[in-house]
Amino acid sequence: MRTNRSFGRKLFLICNFISLASVSLLCLMPIIHILALSFSSGQAASAGKVILWPVEFTTAAYANVFGKPEYLRAFWVSIQRVLMGTTISMFLTIITAYPLSKDSRQFRLRTFYSWFFVFTILFSGGLIPNYLTVKNLGMLDTIWALVLPGAVTVFNVILLLNFYRSLPKELEESSLLDGAGQFTTLWKIYVPLSLPALATTGLFTMMGHWNSWFDGMIYMNHPENYPLQTFLQTIIIKMDFRFIKPERAELMLKLSDRTSRAAQIFVAAFPILIVYPFLQRFFIKGIVMGSVKE
């Protein structure tokens, strides 16, 4: 009987491993294909010869990418946006979710404010009122137009709010008995215990800022202020050859529409691919960290 169970267990693990490896490979294949395209010649890419391995290896596409000052400028704008936007958004999310996680006896208007935030998920003022608000506040053509309008994401607030509610109330009670105030309790106890939830909401916020392009097109009147994704949408995807300088014409002969797009898409996705593995370890640990020890 034990031998049969052992064999069945091994068979299950083998099938599970094969299934997960196949799914992982399917997820990686588009990235590998984009990477192979970016290192292939324009003729091979246009002919459809590139699948998962570069054909007629060349780095001309990346030379084209990093040789564009407007691309590097847009890249820097996106980095500024992610750093500033994530910091501001996480701070506001933490101080918003904490009081909303209390019951009505501690915070009487909790229900009102909770429904107020939920209402903003279902209804919004619309594009034109948002634009007029940003314009009247003098934020057009500034980094603040990309950071402040969406600084508080209600979905992230709800995630963090539910996490705070799942923590034992004895943590707050013992902290208050020791003489700590609400701000001390929040930053010294709740925030350290909420690292998995903060990593999750932080990753969502970073990806939202990095991948956003529509607000850059609306709030920025000059192309030099475009974030990276807006630059890719307006210039790279359209392949506007008016921006090509004469001395780079020889380099462009080695490229095609597909190789240029592939190189710039991979460069744009690379920072997120680097950051994600470092945050993955917090997901593995689970949403709740720590508990009251007896």
Protein backbone atom coordinates (compact mmCIF):
# COMPACT_ATOMS: atom_id res chain seq x y z
CA MET A 1 0.00 0.00 0.00
CA ARG A 2 2.79 2.42 0.92
CA THR A 3 4.62 1.60 -2.32
CA ASN A 4 1.52 2.43 -4.38
CA ARG A 5 1.08 5.73 -2.54
CA SER A 6 4.73 6.59 -3.04
CA PHE A 7 4.49 5.81 -6.76
CA GLY A 8 1.28 7.84 -7.08
CA ARG A 9 2.89 10.76 -5.27
CA LYS A 10 5.91 10.70 -7.57
CA LEU A 11 3.69 10.47 -10.64
CA PHE A 12 1.65 13.45 -9.44
CA LEU A 13 4.79 15.52 -8.83
CA ILE A 14 6.16 14.66 -12.29
CA CYS A 15 2.89 15.59 -14.02
CA ASN A 16 2.63 18.74 -11.93
CA PHE A 17 6.17 19.75 -12.82
CA ILE A 18 5.62 19.12 -16.54
CA SER A 19 2.37 21.11 -16.52
CA LEU A 20 3.85 24.09 -14.68
CA ALA A 21 6.97 24.03 -16.86
CA SER A 22 4.81 24.03 -20.00
CA VAL A 23 2.73 26.98 -18.77
CA SER A 24 5.89 28.87 -17.81
CA LEU A 25 7.38 28.21 -21.24
CA LEU A 26 4.24 29.51 -22.93
CA CYS A 27 4.48 32.69 -20.88
CA LEU A 28 8.15 33.15 -21.75
CA MET A 29 7.85 32.48 -25.47
CA PRO A 30 6.48 35.95 -26.40
CA ILE A 31 9.33 37.63 -24.51
CA ILE A 32 11.91 35.35 -26.12
CA HIS A 33 10.39 36.04 -29.53
CA ILE A 34 10.58 39.82 -28.98
CA LEU A 35 14.19 39.49 -27.80
CA ALA A 36 15.11 37.39 -30.85
CA LEU A 37 13.50 39.91 -33.16
CA SER A 38 15.41 42.77 -31.59
CA PHE A 39 18.75 41.06 -32.31
CA SER A 40 17.87 40.03 -35.88
CA SER A 41 18.40 41.89 -39.11
CA GLY A 42 15.58 43.83 -40.68
CA GLN A 43 15.47 41.55 -43.73
CA ALA A 44 15.15 38.38 -41.64
CA ALA A 45 12.44 39.90 -39.46
CA SER A 46 10.45 41.18 -42.43
CA ALA A 47 10.69 37.76 -44.10
CA GLY A 48 9.26 36.05 -41.00
CA LYS A 49 12.34 33.90 -40.41
CA VAL A 50 12.73 34.80 -36.72
CA ILE A 51 10.96 32.63 -34.17
CA LEU A 52 12.88 32.01 -30.94
CA TRP A 53 16.45 32.60 -32.06
CA PRO A 54 18.07 35.65 -33.72
CA VAL A 55 18.69 35.38 -37.46
CA GLU A 56 21.62 37.37 -38.88
CA PHE A 57 22.56 38.64 -35.45
CA THR A 58 22.95 42.42 -35.14
CA THR A 59 22.66 45.06 -32.43
CA ALA A 60 21.59 47.79 -34.83
CA ALA A 61 18.14 48.04 -33.25
CA TYR A 62 19.61 48.75 -29.80
CA ALA A 63 22.11 51.20 -31.29
CA ASN A 64 19.12 52.96 -32.79
CA VAL A 65 17.27 52.96 -29.46
CA PHE A 66 20.08 54.28 -27.28
CA GLY A 67 21.18 56.70 -29.97
CA LYS A 68 17.92 58.61 -29.75
CA PRO A 69 18.09 61.45 -27.20
CA GLU A 70 14.32 61.80 -27.29
CA TYR A 71 13.93 58.12 -26.35
CA LEU A 72 16.37 58.44 -23.44
CA ARG A 73 14.62 61.60 -22.29
CA ALA A 74 11.26 59.82 -22.32
CA PHE A 75 12.85 56.91 -20.44
CA TRP A 76 14.07 59.31 -17.74
CA VAL A 77 10.62 60.91 -17.46
CA SER A 78 9.09 57.47 -16.87
CA ILE A 79 11.68 56.66 -14.19
CA GLN A 80 10.89 59.93 -12.42
CA ARG A 81 7.22 59.18 -12.68
CA VAL A 82 7.55 55.69 -11.23
CA LEU A 83 9.73 56.81 -8.32
CA MET A 84 7.65 59.85 -7.39
CA GLY A 85 4.29 58.30 -8.20
CA THR A 86 4.90 55.07 -6.29
CA THR A 87 6.24 56.89 -3.22
CA ILE A 88 3.35 59.36 -3.06
CA SER A 89 0.73 56.74 -3.86
CA MET A 90 1.95 54.25 -1.25
CA PHE A 91 2.11 56.94 1.45
CA LEU A 92 -1.42 58.12 0.72
CA THR A 93 -2.70 54.55 0.46
CA ILE A 94 -1.26 53.63 3.86
CA ILE A 95 -2.64 56.66 5.71
CA THR A 96 -6.02 56.24 3.98
CA ALA A 97 -6.46 52.52 4.56
CA TYR A 98 -5.46 52.60 8.24
CA PRO A 99 -8.34 54.73 9.61
CA LEU A 100 -10.84 53.03 7.29
CA SER A 101 -9.85 49.67 8.78
CA LYS A 102 -11.21 50.70 12.20
CA ASP A 103 -14.74 49.97 13.31
CA SER A 104 -17.43 52.63 13.69
CA ARG A 105 -16.76 53.04 17.41
CA GLN A 106 -13.22 54.22 16.75
CA PHE A 107 -13.97 56.16 13.57
CA ARG A 108 -17.60 57.28 13.34
CA LEU A 109 -17.50 58.40 9.71
CA ARG A 110 -15.78 55.26 8.50
CA THR A 111 -18.87 53.96 6.66
CA PHE A 112 -19.45 57.29 4.94
CA TYR A 113 -15.89 57.59 3.73
CA SER A 114 -15.80 53.93 2.67
CA TRP A 115 -18.85 54.37 0.45
CA PHE A 116 -17.42 57.66 -0.78
CA PHE A 117 -14.32 55.84 -2.07
CA VAL A 118 -16.39 52.99 -3.53
CA PHE A 119 -18.53 55.56 -5.36
CA THR A 120 -15.44 56.82 -7.20
CA ILE A 121 -14.88 53.33 -8.60
CA LEU A 122 -18.33 53.27 -10.18
CA PHE A 123 -18.56 56.89 -11.31
CA SER A 124 -16.04 59.54 -12.36
CA GLY A 125 -16.16 63.13 -13.51
CA GLY A 126 -14.99 62.25 -17.00
CA LEU A 127 -12.06 63.19 -19.19
CA ILE A 128 -12.87 66.86 -19.74
CA PRO A 129 -13.39 67.75 -16.03
CA ASN A 130 -10.15 65.93 -15.20
CA TYR A 131 -8.29 67.88 -17.86
CA LEU A 132 -9.75 71.21 -16.72
CA THR A 133 -8.82 70.43 -13.12
CA VAL A 134 -5.23 69.65 -14.04
CA LYS A 135 -5.07 72.76 -16.23
CA ASN A 136 -6.51 75.10 -13.59
CA LEU A 137 -4.03 73.76 -11.04
CA GLY A 138 -1.18 74.66 -13.40
CA MET A 139 0.09 71.10 -13.74
CA LEU A 140 0.02 70.80 -17.54
CA ASP A 141 3.40 69.85 -19.03
CA THR A 142 4.75 68.93 -15.59
CA ILE A 143 5.54 65.63 -13.95
CA TRP A 144 2.82 66.33 -11.37
CA ALA A 145 0.13 65.87 -14.02
CA LEU A 146 1.26 62.25 -14.33
CA VAL A 147 1.59 61.63 -10.59
CA LEU A 148 -1.09 63.43 -8.60
CA PRO A 149 -4.42 62.79 -10.44
CA GLY A 150 -4.22 59.04 -9.83
CA ALA A 151 -2.25 59.13 -6.60
CA VAL A 152 -4.90 57.26 -4.58
CA THR A 153 -6.04 54.00 -6.16
CA VAL A 154 -9.17 52.81 -4.40
CA PHE A 155 -8.49 49.17 -5.31
CA ASN A 156 -5.15 49.31 -3.48
CA VAL A 157 -6.80 51.04 -0.52
CA ILE A 158 -9.32 48.21 -0.26
CA LEU A 159 -6.57 45.58 -0.44
CA LEU A 160 -4.57 47.22 2.34
CA LEU A 161 -7.70 47.97 4.36
CA ASN A 162 -8.71 44.31 4.38
CA PHE A 163 -5.18 43.30 5.37
CA TYR A 164 -5.22 45.67 8.35
CA ARG A 165 -8.56 44.22 9.44
CA SER A 166 -7.10 40.72 9.36
CA LEU A 167 -4.40 41.63 11.89
CA PRO A 168 -5.17 40.82 15.54
CA LYS A 169 -6.65 43.77 17.40
CA GLU A 170 -4.45 42.91 20.37
CA LEU A 171 -1.51 44.42 18.47
CA GLU A 172 -3.07 47.87 18.53
CA GLU A 173 -4.38 47.48 22.08
CA SER A 174 -0.99 46.50 23.46
CA SER A 175 0.66 49.37 21.59
CA LEU A 176 -1.80 51.92 22.96
CA LEU A 177 -1.39 50.53 26.49
CA ASP A 178 2.36 51.09 26.16
CA GLY A 179 1.70 54.76 25.43
CA ALA A 180 2.06 54.77 21.64
CA GLY A 181 -0.23 56.92 19.53
CA GLN A 182 -2.02 55.99 16.33
CA PHE A 183 0.78 57.22 14.07
CA THR A 184 3.39 55.26 16.04
CA THR A 185 1.20 52.17 15.94
CA LEU A 186 0.76 52.54 12.21
CA TRP A 187 4.41 53.05 11.25
CA LYS A 188 6.06 50.87 13.88
CA ILE A 189 3.68 47.89 13.95
CA TYR A 190 1.19 47.82 11.06
CA VAL A 191 3.51 48.87 8.25
CA PRO A 192 6.30 46.34 9.06
CA LEU A 193 3.71 43.56 9.28
CA SER A 194 2.11 44.58 6.00
CA LEU A 195 5.18 44.15 3.78
CA PRO A 196 3.54 41.46 1.59
CA ALA A 197 0.46 43.63 1.01
CA LEU A 198 2.61 46.71 0.42
CA ALA A 199 4.75 44.77 -2.05
CA THR A 200 1.63 43.73 -3.94
CA THR A 201 0.07 47.20 -4.06
CA GLY A 202 3.47 48.75 -4.76
CA LEU A 203 4.00 46.47 -7.76
CA PHE A 204 0.53 47.30 -9.07
CA THR A 205 1.29 51.01 -8.70
CA MET A 206 4.69 50.75 -10.40
CA MET A 207 3.29 48.80 -13.33
CA GLY A 208 0.40 51.24 -13.64
CA HIS A 209 2.73 54.23 -13.86
CA TRP A 210 5.22 52.51 -16.14
CA ASN A 211 2.63 51.23 -18.61
CA SER A 212 0.43 54.33 -18.70
CA TRP A 213 0.51 56.34 -21.93
CA PHE A 214 -2.89 58.02 -22.34
CA ASP A 215 -2.47 60.63 -19.62
CA GLY A 216 0.90 61.65 -21.05
CA MET A 217 -0.75 62.30 -24.39
CA ILE A 218 -3.49 64.40 -22.78
CA TYR A 219 -1.57 66.43 -20.22
CA MET A 220 1.69 66.98 -22.12
CA ASN A 221 1.72 69.59 -24.89
CA HIS A 222 5.39 69.13 -25.83
CA PRO A 223 6.92 65.80 -26.95
CA GLU A 224 10.01 66.32 -24.78
CA ASN A 225 7.79 65.88 -21.71
CA TYR A 226 6.30 62.57 -22.87
CA PRO A 227 6.81 59.50 -20.67
CA LEU A 228 8.24 56.44 -22.38
CA GLN A 229 4.97 54.68 -23.23
CA THR A 230 3.47 57.83 -24.74
CA PHE A 231 6.63 58.30 -26.78
CA LEU A 232 6.40 54.71 -28.03
CA GLN A 233 2.77 55.16 -29.00
CA THR A 234 3.14 58.47 -30.83
CA ILE A 235 6.55 58.09 -32.49
CA ILE A 236 7.86 54.54 -32.43
CA ILE A 237 4.69 52.73 -33.41
CA LYS A 238 4.01 55.18 -36.21
CA MET A 239 7.66 55.05 -37.31
CA ASP A 240 7.73 58.73 -38.22
CA PHE A 241 10.85 58.99 -40.42
CA ARG A 242 10.92 62.77 -40.09
CA PHE A 243 12.78 62.26 -36.82
CA ILE A 244 15.59 60.32 -38.50
CA LYS A 245 18.77 62.32 -38.99
CA PRO A 246 20.75 61.95 -42.25
CA GLU A 247 23.82 60.52 -40.50
CA ARG A 248 21.69 57.67 -39.16
CA ALA A 249 20.23 56.67 -42.52
CA GLU A 250 22.80 53.88 -42.94
CA LEU A 251 21.85 52.46 -39.58
CA MET A 252 18.16 52.51 -40.48
CA LEU A 253 18.87 50.41 -43.57
CA LYS A 254 19.73 47.52 -41.23
CA LEU A 255 16.43 47.88 -39.37
CA SER A 256 12.84 47.14 -40.07
CA ASP A 257 9.62 48.23 -38.45
CA ARG A 258 9.49 44.97 -36.48
CA THR A 259 13.07 44.99 -35.16
CA SER A 260 12.82 48.62 -34.06
CA ARG A 261 9.57 47.97 -32.22
CA ALA A 262 10.92 44.79 -30.64
CA ALA A 263 14.04 46.49 -29.28
CA GLN A 264 12.15 49.39 -27.78
CA ILE A 265 9.41 47.17 -26.34
CA PHE A 266 12.02 44.98 -24.65
CA VAL A 267 13.94 47.97 -23.27
CA ALA A 268 10.65 49.40 -21.95
CA ALA A 269 9.72 46.09 -20.27
CA PHE A 270 13.19 45.36 -18.88
CA PRO A 271 12.92 47.45 -15.65
CA ILE A 272 9.71 45.66 -14.62
CA LEU A 273 11.30 42.30 -15.41
CA ILE A 274 14.16 43.20 -13.09
CA VAL A 275 12.02 44.52 -10.23
CA TYR A 276 9.44 41.74 -10.15
CA PRO A 277 11.70 38.88 -8.92
CA PHE A 278 12.75 40.97 -5.90
CA LEU A 279 9.10 41.48 -4.91
CA GLN A 280 8.13 37.88 -5.64
CA ARG A 281 9.58 36.67 -2.34
CA PHE A 282 7.03 38.75 -0.43
CA PHE A 283 4.17 37.09 -2.33
CA ILE A 284 5.47 33.63 -1.43
CA LYS A 285 5.36 34.45 2.27
CA GLY A 286 1.66 35.18 2.05
CA ILE A 287 -0.46 38.21 2.76
CA VAL A 288 -0.41 37.97 6.56
CA MET A 289 2.92 38.19 8.36
CA GLY A 290 3.19 37.86 12.08
CA SER A 291 0.66 37.23 14.80
CA VAL A 292 0.22 37.63 18.53
CA LYS A 293 2.61 35.36 20.36
CA GLU A 294 1.47 33.73 23.55
